[in-house]
């Protein structure tokens, strides 16, 4: 029996705090398909991510948010990150 995980995935998706552009493509058979719009050298290159469980997706959101916080910290600090 398939559970309706769409509301759970959407709630977790709402926790994204990043400048990257993500969009939910589909939720089928309890599997989430997420697309990231990424621009490389002026070309749009969509990246597809698939998650088999809400826990796996929540971990991905946590890692992406931590990465964004690290960038903000480097940009807001007095030290030069690339010396």
PDB file of N, CA and C in Angstrom:
ATOM      1  N   UNK A   1       0.840  -1.184   0.000  1.00  0.00           N
ATOM      2  CA  UNK A   1       0.000   0.000   0.000  1.00  0.00           C
ATOM      3  C   UNK A   1       0.884   1.247   0.000  1.00  0.00           C
ATOM      4  N   UNK A   2       0.657   2.130  -0.910  1.00  0.00           N
ATOM      5  CA  UNK A   2       1.451   3.358  -1.016  1.00  0.00           C
ATOM      6  C   UNK A   2       0.879   4.433  -0.096  1.00  0.00           C
ATOM      7  N   UNK A   3       1.756   5.053   0.649  1.00  0.00           N
ATOM      8  CA  UNK A   3       1.353   6.150   1.523  1.00  0.00           C
ATOM      9  C   UNK A   3       1.338   7.443   0.729  1.00  0.00           C
ATOM     10  N   UNK A   4       0.533   8.400   1.179  1.00  0.00           N
ATOM     11  CA  UNK A   4       0.529   9.708   0.538  1.00  0.00           C
ATOM     12  C   UNK A   4       1.565  10.581   1.228  1.00  0.00           C
ATOM     13  N   UNK A   5       2.766  10.618   0.664  1.00  0.00           N
ATOM     14  CA  UNK A   5       3.865  11.369   1.264  1.00  0.00           C
ATOM     15  C   UNK A   5       4.006  12.769   0.680  1.00  0.00           C
ATOM     16  N   UNK A   6       3.128  13.147  -0.246  1.00  0.00           N
ATOM     17  CA  UNK A   6       3.230  14.464  -0.871  1.00  0.00           C
ATOM     18  C   UNK A   6       3.237  15.591   0.160  1.00  0.00           C
ATOM     19  N   UNK A   7       2.316  15.628   1.141  1.00  0.00           N
ATOM     20  CA  UNK A   7       2.358  16.715   2.131  1.00  0.00           C
ATOM     21  C   UNK A   7       3.640  16.710   2.973  1.00  0.00           C
ATOM     22  N   UNK A   8       4.162  15.537   3.272  1.00  0.00           N
ATOM     23  CA  UNK A   8       5.394  15.426   4.054  1.00  0.00           C
ATOM     24  C   UNK A   8       6.567  15.996   3.262  1.00  0.00           C
ATOM     25  N   UNK A   9       6.671  15.604   1.987  1.00  0.00           N
ATOM     26  CA  UNK A   9       7.749  16.120   1.136  1.00  0.00           C
ATOM     27  C   UNK A   9       7.639  17.632   0.969  1.00  0.00           C
ATOM     28  N   UNK A  10       6.427  18.149   0.808  1.00  0.00           N
ATOM     29  CA  UNK A  10       6.241  19.599   0.624  1.00  0.00           C
ATOM     30  C   UNK A  10       6.600  20.373   1.895  1.00  0.00           C
ATOM     31  N   UNK A  11       6.308  19.797   3.045  1.00  0.00           N
ATOM     32  CA  UNK A  11       6.682  20.438   4.311  1.00  0.00           C
ATOM     33  C   UNK A  11       8.204  20.518   4.440  1.00  0.00           C
ATOM     34  N   UNK A  12       8.891  19.436   4.118  1.00  0.00           N
ATOM     35  CA  UNK A  12      10.356  19.422   4.169  1.00  0.00           C
ATOM     36  C   UNK A  12      10.915  20.388   3.126  1.00  0.00           C
ATOM     37  N   UNK A  13      10.308  20.434   1.939  1.00  0.00           N
ATOM     38  CA  UNK A  13      10.749  21.332   0.874  1.00  0.00           C
ATOM     39  C   UNK A  13      10.674  22.793   1.336  1.00  0.00           C
ATOM     40  N   UNK A  14       9.701  23.108   2.157  1.00  0.00           N
ATOM     41  CA  UNK A  14       9.547  24.463   2.685  1.00  0.00           C
ATOM     42  C   UNK A  14      10.682  24.877   3.611  1.00  0.00           C
ATOM     43  N   UNK A  15      11.491  23.942   4.049  1.00  0.00           N
ATOM     44  CA  UNK A  15      12.610  24.237   4.955  1.00  0.00           C
ATOM     45  C   UNK A  15      13.872  24.651   4.214  1.00  0.00           C
ATOM     46  N   UNK A  16      13.853  24.630   2.866  1.00  0.00           N
ATOM     47  CA  UNK A  16      15.023  25.058   2.097  1.00  0.00           C
ATOM     48  C   UNK A  16      15.322  26.520   2.387  1.00  0.00           C
ATOM     49  N   UNK A  17      16.555  26.823   2.722  1.00  0.00           N
ATOM     50  CA  UNK A  17      17.028  28.192   2.933  1.00  0.00           C
ATOM     51  C   UNK A  17      18.281  28.385   2.092  1.00  0.00           C
ATOM     52  N   UNK A  18      18.140  28.308   0.782  1.00  0.00           N
ATOM     53  CA  UNK A  18      19.281  28.379  -0.115  1.00  0.00           C
ATOM     54  C   UNK A  18      18.943  29.217  -1.338  1.00  0.00           C
ATOM     55  N   UNK A  19      19.968  29.727  -1.988  1.00  0.00           N
ATOM     56  CA  UNK A  19      19.770  30.509  -3.210  1.00  0.00           C
ATOM     57  C   UNK A  19      19.597  29.621  -4.425  1.00  0.00           C
ATOM     58  N   UNK A  20      19.904  28.356  -4.298  1.00  0.00           N
ATOM     59  CA  UNK A  20      19.729  27.426  -5.413  1.00  0.00           C
ATOM     60  C   UNK A  20      18.239  27.277  -5.706  1.00  0.00           C
ATOM     61  N   UNK A  21      17.925  27.065  -6.959  1.00  0.00           N
ATOM     62  CA  UNK A  21      16.526  26.960  -7.375  1.00  0.00           C
ATOM     63  C   UNK A  21      16.141  25.503  -7.546  1.00  0.00           C
ATOM     64  N   UNK A  22      15.311  25.018  -6.634  1.00  0.00           N
ATOM     65  CA  UNK A  22      14.824  23.646  -6.685  1.00  0.00           C
ATOM     66  C   UNK A  22      13.329  23.665  -6.964  1.00  0.00           C
ATOM     67  N   UNK A  23      12.837  22.628  -7.613  1.00  0.00           N
ATOM     68  CA  UNK A  23      11.398  22.471  -7.807  1.00  0.00           C
ATOM     69  C   UNK A  23      11.053  20.983  -7.736  1.00  0.00           C
ATOM     70  N   UNK A  24       9.892  20.696  -7.175  1.00  0.00           N
ATOM     71  CA  UNK A  24       9.418  19.314  -7.083  1.00  0.00           C
ATOM     72  C   UNK A  24       8.822  18.944  -8.432  1.00  0.00           C
ATOM     73  N   UNK A  25       9.338  17.888  -9.031  1.00  0.00           N
ATOM     74  CA  UNK A  25       8.837  17.421 -10.323  1.00  0.00           C
ATOM     75  C   UNK A  25       7.696  16.427 -10.150  1.00  0.00           C
ATOM     76  N   UNK A  26       7.876  15.464  -9.231  1.00  0.00           N
ATOM     77  CA  UNK A  26       6.818  14.482  -9.025  1.00  0.00           C
ATOM     78  C   UNK A  26       7.028  13.738  -7.716  1.00  0.00           C
ATOM     79  N   UNK A  27       5.922  13.195  -7.229  1.00  0.00           N
ATOM     80  CA  UNK A  27       5.947  12.278  -6.089  1.00  0.00           C
ATOM     81  C   UNK A  27       5.146  11.061  -6.532  1.00  0.00           C
ATOM     82  N   UNK A  28       5.867   9.988  -6.868  1.00  0.00           N
ATOM     83  CA  UNK A  28       5.221   8.769  -7.347  1.00  0.00           C
ATOM     84  C   UNK A  28       5.788   7.574  -6.613  1.00  0.00           C
ATOM     85  N   UNK A  29       4.918   6.685  -6.193  1.00  0.00           N
ATOM     86  CA  UNK A  29       5.324   5.467  -5.485  1.00  0.00           C
ATOM     87  C   UNK A  29       6.229   5.796  -4.298  1.00  0.00           C
ATOM     88  N   UNK A  30       5.865   6.819  -3.544  1.00  0.00           N
ATOM     89  CA  UNK A  30       6.611   7.272  -2.362  1.00  0.00           C
ATOM     90  C   UNK A  30       8.013   7.754  -2.702  1.00  0.00           C
ATOM     91  N   UNK A  31       8.283   8.069  -3.960  1.00  0.00           N
ATOM     92  CA  UNK A  31       9.592   8.532  -4.379  1.00  0.00           C
ATOM     93  C   UNK A  31       9.474   9.968  -4.893  1.00  0.00           C
ATOM     94  N   UNK A  32      10.329  10.834  -4.389  1.00  0.00           N
ATOM     95  CA  UNK A  32      10.328  12.246  -4.762  1.00  0.00           C
ATOM     96  C   UNK A  32      11.360  12.486  -5.853  1.00  0.00           C
ATOM     97  N   UNK A  33      10.957  13.209  -6.891  1.00  0.00           N
ATOM     98  CA  UNK A  33      11.885  13.630  -7.936  1.00  0.00           C
ATOM     99  C   UNK A  33      11.981  15.146  -7.850  1.00  0.00           C
ATOM    100  N   UNK A  34      13.196  15.630  -7.638  1.00  0.00           N
ATOM    101  CA  UNK A  34      13.467  17.049  -7.446  1.00  0.00           C
ATOM    102  C   UNK A  34      14.381  17.517  -8.570  1.00  0.00           C
ATOM    103  N   UNK A  35      14.136  18.717  -9.075  1.00  0.00           N
ATOM    104  CA  UNK A  35      14.980  19.255 -10.135  1.00  0.00           C
ATOM    105  C   UNK A  35      15.613  20.552  -9.661  1.00  0.00           C
ATOM    106  N   UNK A  36      16.902  20.703  -9.957  1.00  0.00           N
ATOM    107  CA  UNK A  36      17.614  21.930  -9.644  1.00  0.00           C
ATOM    108  C   UNK A  36      17.958  22.615 -10.954  1.00  0.00           C
ATOM    109  N   UNK A  37      17.546  23.872 -11.097  1.00  0.00           N
ATOM    110  CA  UNK A  37      17.925  24.659 -12.266  1.00  0.00           C
ATOM    111  C   UNK A  37      19.310  25.221 -12.026  1.00  0.00           C
ATOM    112  N   UNK A  38      20.240  24.759 -12.806  1.00  0.00           N
ATOM    113  CA  UNK A  38      21.626  25.191 -12.654  1.00  0.00           C
ATOM    114  C   UNK A  38      22.088  25.776 -13.979  1.00  0.00           C
ATOM    115  N   UNK A  39      22.723  26.938 -13.917  1.00  0.00           N
ATOM    116  CA  UNK A  39      23.211  27.574 -15.126  1.00  0.00           C
ATOM    117  C   UNK A  39      24.726  27.469 -15.157  1.00  0.00           C
ATOM    118  N   UNK A  40      25.248  26.834 -16.216  1.00  0.00           N
ATOM    119  CA  UNK A  40      26.689  26.650 -16.389  1.00  0.00           C
ATOM    120  C   UNK A  40      27.076  27.301 -17.709  1.00  0.00           C
ATOM    121  N   UNK A  41      27.897  28.333 -17.626  1.00  0.00           N
ATOM    122  CA  UNK A  41      28.367  29.055 -18.826  1.00  0.00           C
ATOM    123  C   UNK A  41      27.201  29.520 -19.693  1.00  0.00           C
ATOM    124  N   UNK A  42      26.153  30.005 -19.073  1.00  0.00           N
ATOM    125  CA  UNK A  42      25.015  30.521 -19.817  1.00  0.00           C
ATOM    126  C   UNK A  42      24.030  29.473 -20.292  1.00  0.00           C
ATOM    127  N   UNK A  43      24.325  28.204 -20.090  1.00  0.00           N
ATOM    128  CA  UNK A  43      23.432  27.126 -20.501  1.00  0.00           C
ATOM    129  C   UNK A  43      22.679  26.597 -19.287  1.00  0.00           C
ATOM    130  N   UNK A  44      21.378  26.421 -19.440  1.00  0.00           N
ATOM    131  CA  UNK A  44      20.589  25.831 -18.356  1.00  0.00           C
ATOM    132  C   UNK A  44      20.829  24.327 -18.341  1.00  0.00           C
ATOM    133  N   UNK A  45      21.283  23.847 -17.214  1.00  0.00           N
ATOM    134  CA  UNK A  45      21.576  22.420 -17.044  1.00  0.00           C
ATOM    135  C   UNK A  45      20.776  21.900 -15.848  1.00  0.00           C
ATOM    136  N   UNK A  46      19.591  21.363 -16.070  1.00  0.00           N
ATOM    137  CA  UNK A  46      18.818  20.851 -14.932  1.00  0.00           C
ATOM    138  C   UNK A  46      19.462  19.592 -14.345  1.00  0.00           C
ATOM    139  N   UNK A  47      19.508  19.546 -13.025  1.00  0.00           N
ATOM    140  CA  UNK A  47      20.002  18.353 -12.326  1.00  0.00           C
ATOM    141  C   UNK A  47      18.816  17.696 -11.643  1.00  0.00           C
ATOM    142  N   UNK A  48      18.732  16.391 -11.752  1.00  0.00           N
ATOM    143  CA  UNK A  48      17.631  15.629 -11.185  1.00  0.00           C
ATOM    144  C   UNK A  48      18.124  14.877  -9.951  1.00  0.00           C
ATOM    145  N   UNK A  49      17.361  14.984  -8.878  1.00  0.00           N
ATOM    146  CA  UNK A  49      17.638  14.242  -7.641  1.00  0.00           C
ATOM    147  C   UNK A  49      16.427  13.381  -7.335  1.00  0.00           C
ATOM    148  N   UNK A  50      16.670  12.158  -6.887  1.00  0.00           N
ATOM    149  CA  UNK A  50      15.580  11.260  -6.493  1.00  0.00           C
ATOM    150  C   UNK A  50      15.791  10.822  -5.055  1.00  0.00           C
ATOM    151  N   UNK A  51      14.700  10.840  -4.308  1.00  0.00           N
ATOM    152  CA  UNK A  51      14.746  10.470  -2.894  1.00  0.00           C
ATOM    153  C   UNK A  51      13.705   9.399  -2.644  1.00  0.00           C
ATOM    154  N   UNK A  52      14.120   8.359  -1.942  1.00  0.00           N
ATOM    155  CA  UNK A  52      13.235   7.224  -1.695  1.00  0.00           C
ATOM    156  C   UNK A  52      12.472   7.339  -0.383  1.00  0.00           C
ATOM    157  N   UNK A  53      12.886   8.285   0.483  1.00  0.00           N
ATOM    158  CA  UNK A  53      12.194   8.426   1.760  1.00  0.00           C
ATOM    159  C   UNK A  53      12.258   9.876   2.232  1.00  0.00           C
ATOM    160  N   UNK A  54      11.319  10.280   3.066  1.00  0.00           N
ATOM    161  CA  UNK A  54      11.360  11.637   3.617  1.00  0.00           C
ATOM    162  C   UNK A  54      12.632  11.885   4.429  1.00  0.00           C
ATOM    163  N   UNK A  55      13.123  10.880   5.105  1.00  0.00           N
ATOM    164  CA  UNK A  55      14.340  11.032   5.905  1.00  0.00           C
ATOM    165  C   UNK A  55      15.546  11.367   5.017  1.00  0.00           C
ATOM    166  N   UNK A  56      15.639  10.679   3.892  1.00  0.00           N
ATOM    167  CA  UNK A  56      16.722  10.927   2.944  1.00  0.00           C
ATOM    168  C   UNK A  56      16.635  12.355   2.389  1.00  0.00           C
ATOM    169  N   UNK A  57      15.417  12.811   2.076  1.00  0.00           N
ATOM    170  CA  UNK A  57      15.220  14.159   1.570  1.00  0.00           C
ATOM    171  C   UNK A  57      15.516  15.204   2.645  1.00  0.00           C
ATOM    172  N   UNK A  58      15.119  14.928   3.872  1.00  0.00           N
ATOM    173  CA  UNK A  58      15.377  15.854   4.975  1.00  0.00           C
ATOM    174  C   UNK A  58      16.884  16.026   5.199  1.00  0.00           C
ATOM    175  N   UNK A  59      17.640  14.960   5.084  1.00  0.00           N
ATOM    176  CA  UNK A  59      19.099  15.033   5.221  1.00  0.00           C
ATOM    177  C   UNK A  59      19.698  15.884   4.105  1.00  0.00           C
ATOM    178  N   UNK A  60      19.190  15.731   2.876  1.00  0.00           N
ATOM    179  CA  UNK A  60      19.655  16.529   1.746  1.00  0.00           C
ATOM    180  C   UNK A  60      19.389  18.024   1.999  1.00  0.00           C
ATOM    181  N   UNK A  61      18.207  18.350   2.487  1.00  0.00           N
ATOM    182  CA  UNK A  61      17.857  19.746   2.786  1.00  0.00           C
ATOM    183  C   UNK A  61      18.781  20.292   3.870  1.00  0.00           C
ATOM    184  N   UNK A  62      19.056  19.483   4.886  1.00  0.00           N
ATOM    185  CA  UNK A  62      19.933  19.920   5.975  1.00  0.00           C
ATOM    186  C   UNK A  62      21.340  20.225   5.450  1.00  0.00           C
ATOM    187  N   UNK A  63      21.868  19.350   4.603  1.00  0.00           N
ATOM    188  CA  UNK A  63      23.214  19.545   4.051  1.00  0.00           C
ATOM    189  C   UNK A  63      23.260  20.786   3.162  1.00  0.00           C
ATOM    190  N   UNK A  64      22.264  20.980   2.324  1.00  0.00           N
ATOM    191  CA  UNK A  64      22.219  22.161   1.448  1.00  0.00           C
ATOM    192  C   UNK A  64      22.117  23.444   2.263  1.00  0.00           C
ATOM    193  N   UNK A  65      21.313  23.435   3.314  1.00  0.00           N
ATOM    194  CA  UNK A  65      21.186  24.615   4.172  1.00  0.00           C
ATOM    195  C   UNK A  65      22.492  24.899   4.905  1.00  0.00           C
ATOM    196  N   UNK A  66      23.197  23.864   5.355  1.00  0.00           N
ATOM    197  CA  UNK A  66      24.478  24.043   6.033  1.00  0.00           C
ATOM    198  C   UNK A  66      25.504  24.628   5.065  1.00  0.00           C
ATOM    199  N   UNK A  67      25.515  24.148   3.836  1.00  0.00           N
ATOM    200  CA  UNK A  67      26.420  24.667   2.808  1.00  0.00           C
ATOM    201  C   UNK A  67      26.158  26.160   2.582  1.00  0.00           C
ATOM    202  N   UNK A  68      24.891  26.544   2.530  1.00  0.00           N
ATOM    203  CA  UNK A  68      24.523  27.953   2.340  1.00  0.00           C
ATOM    204  C   UNK A  68      24.956  28.798   3.533  1.00  0.00           C
ATOM    205  N   UNK A  69      24.772  28.269   4.750  1.00  0.00           N
ATOM    206  CA  UNK A  69      25.203  29.005   5.957  1.00  0.00           C
ATOM    207  C   UNK A  69      26.711  29.199   5.961  1.00  0.00           C
ATOM    208  N   UNK A  70      27.467  28.192   5.525  1.00  0.00           N
ATOM    209  CA  UNK A  70      28.925  28.307   5.466  1.00  0.00           C
ATOM    210  C   UNK A  70      29.346  29.403   4.490  1.00  0.00           C
ATOM    211  N   UNK A  71      28.687  29.481   3.345  1.00  0.00           N
ATOM    212  CA  UNK A  71      28.986  30.531   2.368  1.00  0.00           C
ATOM    213  C   UNK A  71      28.676  31.905   2.961  1.00  0.00           C
ATOM    214  N   UNK A  72      27.525  32.039   3.602  1.00  0.00           N
ATOM    215  CA  UNK A  72      27.139  33.309   4.223  1.00  0.00           C
ATOM    216  C   UNK A  72      28.161  33.730   5.283  1.00  0.00           C
ATOM    217  N   UNK A  73      28.623  32.764   6.048  1.00  0.00           N
ATOM    218  CA  UNK A  73      29.603  33.042   7.103  1.00  0.00           C
ATOM    219  C   UNK A  73      30.916  33.534   6.504  1.00  0.00           C
ATOM    220  N   UNK A  74      31.371  32.897   5.426  1.00  0.00           N
ATOM    221  CA  UNK A  74      32.606  33.316   4.767  1.00  0.00           C
ATOM    222  C   UNK A  74      32.469  34.713   4.176  1.00  0.00           C
ATOM    223  N   UNK A  75      31.340  34.986   3.548  1.00  0.00           N
ATOM    224  CA  UNK A  75      31.143  36.290   2.923  1.00  0.00           C
ATOM    225  C   UNK A  75      30.968  37.397   3.945  1.00  0.00           C
ATOM    226  N   UNK A  76      30.412  37.070   5.096  1.00  0.00           N
ATOM    227  CA  UNK A  76      30.154  38.069   6.114  1.00  0.00           C
ATOM    228  C   UNK A  76      31.318  38.287   7.063  1.00  0.00           C
ATOM    229  N   UNK A  77      32.316  37.437   7.016  1.00  0.00           N
ATOM    230  CA  UNK A  77      33.439  37.533   7.951  1.00  0.00           C
ATOM    231  C   UNK A  77      34.512  38.496   7.473  1.00  0.00           C
ATOM    232  N   UNK A  78      35.496  38.730   8.323  1.00  0.00           N
ATOM    233  CA  UNK A  78      36.591  39.627   7.995  1.00  0.00           C
ATOM    234  C   UNK A  78      37.750  38.902   7.309  1.00  0.00           C
ATOM    235  N   UNK A  79      37.739  37.593   7.319  1.00  0.00           N
ATOM    236  CA  UNK A  79      38.853  36.844   6.730  1.00  0.00           C
ATOM    237  C   UNK A  79      38.566  36.569   5.265  1.00  0.00           C
ATOM    238  N   UNK A  80      39.625  36.484   4.495  1.00  0.00           N
ATOM    239  CA  UNK A  80      39.498  36.176   3.077  1.00  0.00           C
ATOM    240  C   UNK A  80      39.476  34.647   2.905  1.00  0.00           C
ATOM    241  N   UNK A  81      38.436  34.078   2.342  1.00  0.00           N
ATOM    242  CA  UNK A  81      38.346  32.609   2.262  1.00  0.00           C
ATOM    243  C   UNK A  81      39.277  31.971   1.250  1.00  0.00           C
ATOM    244  N   UNK A  82      39.788  32.736   0.300  1.00  0.00           N
ATOM    245  CA  UNK A  82      40.577  32.127  -0.773  1.00  0.00           C
ATOM    246  C   UNK A  82      42.044  32.548  -0.756  1.00  0.00           C
ATOM    247  N   UNK A  83      42.608  32.820   0.377  1.00  0.00           N
ATOM    248  CA  UNK A  83      44.022  33.182   0.455  1.00  0.00           C
ATOM    249  C   UNK A  83      44.863  31.962   0.680  1.00  0.00           C
TER     250      UNK A  83
END
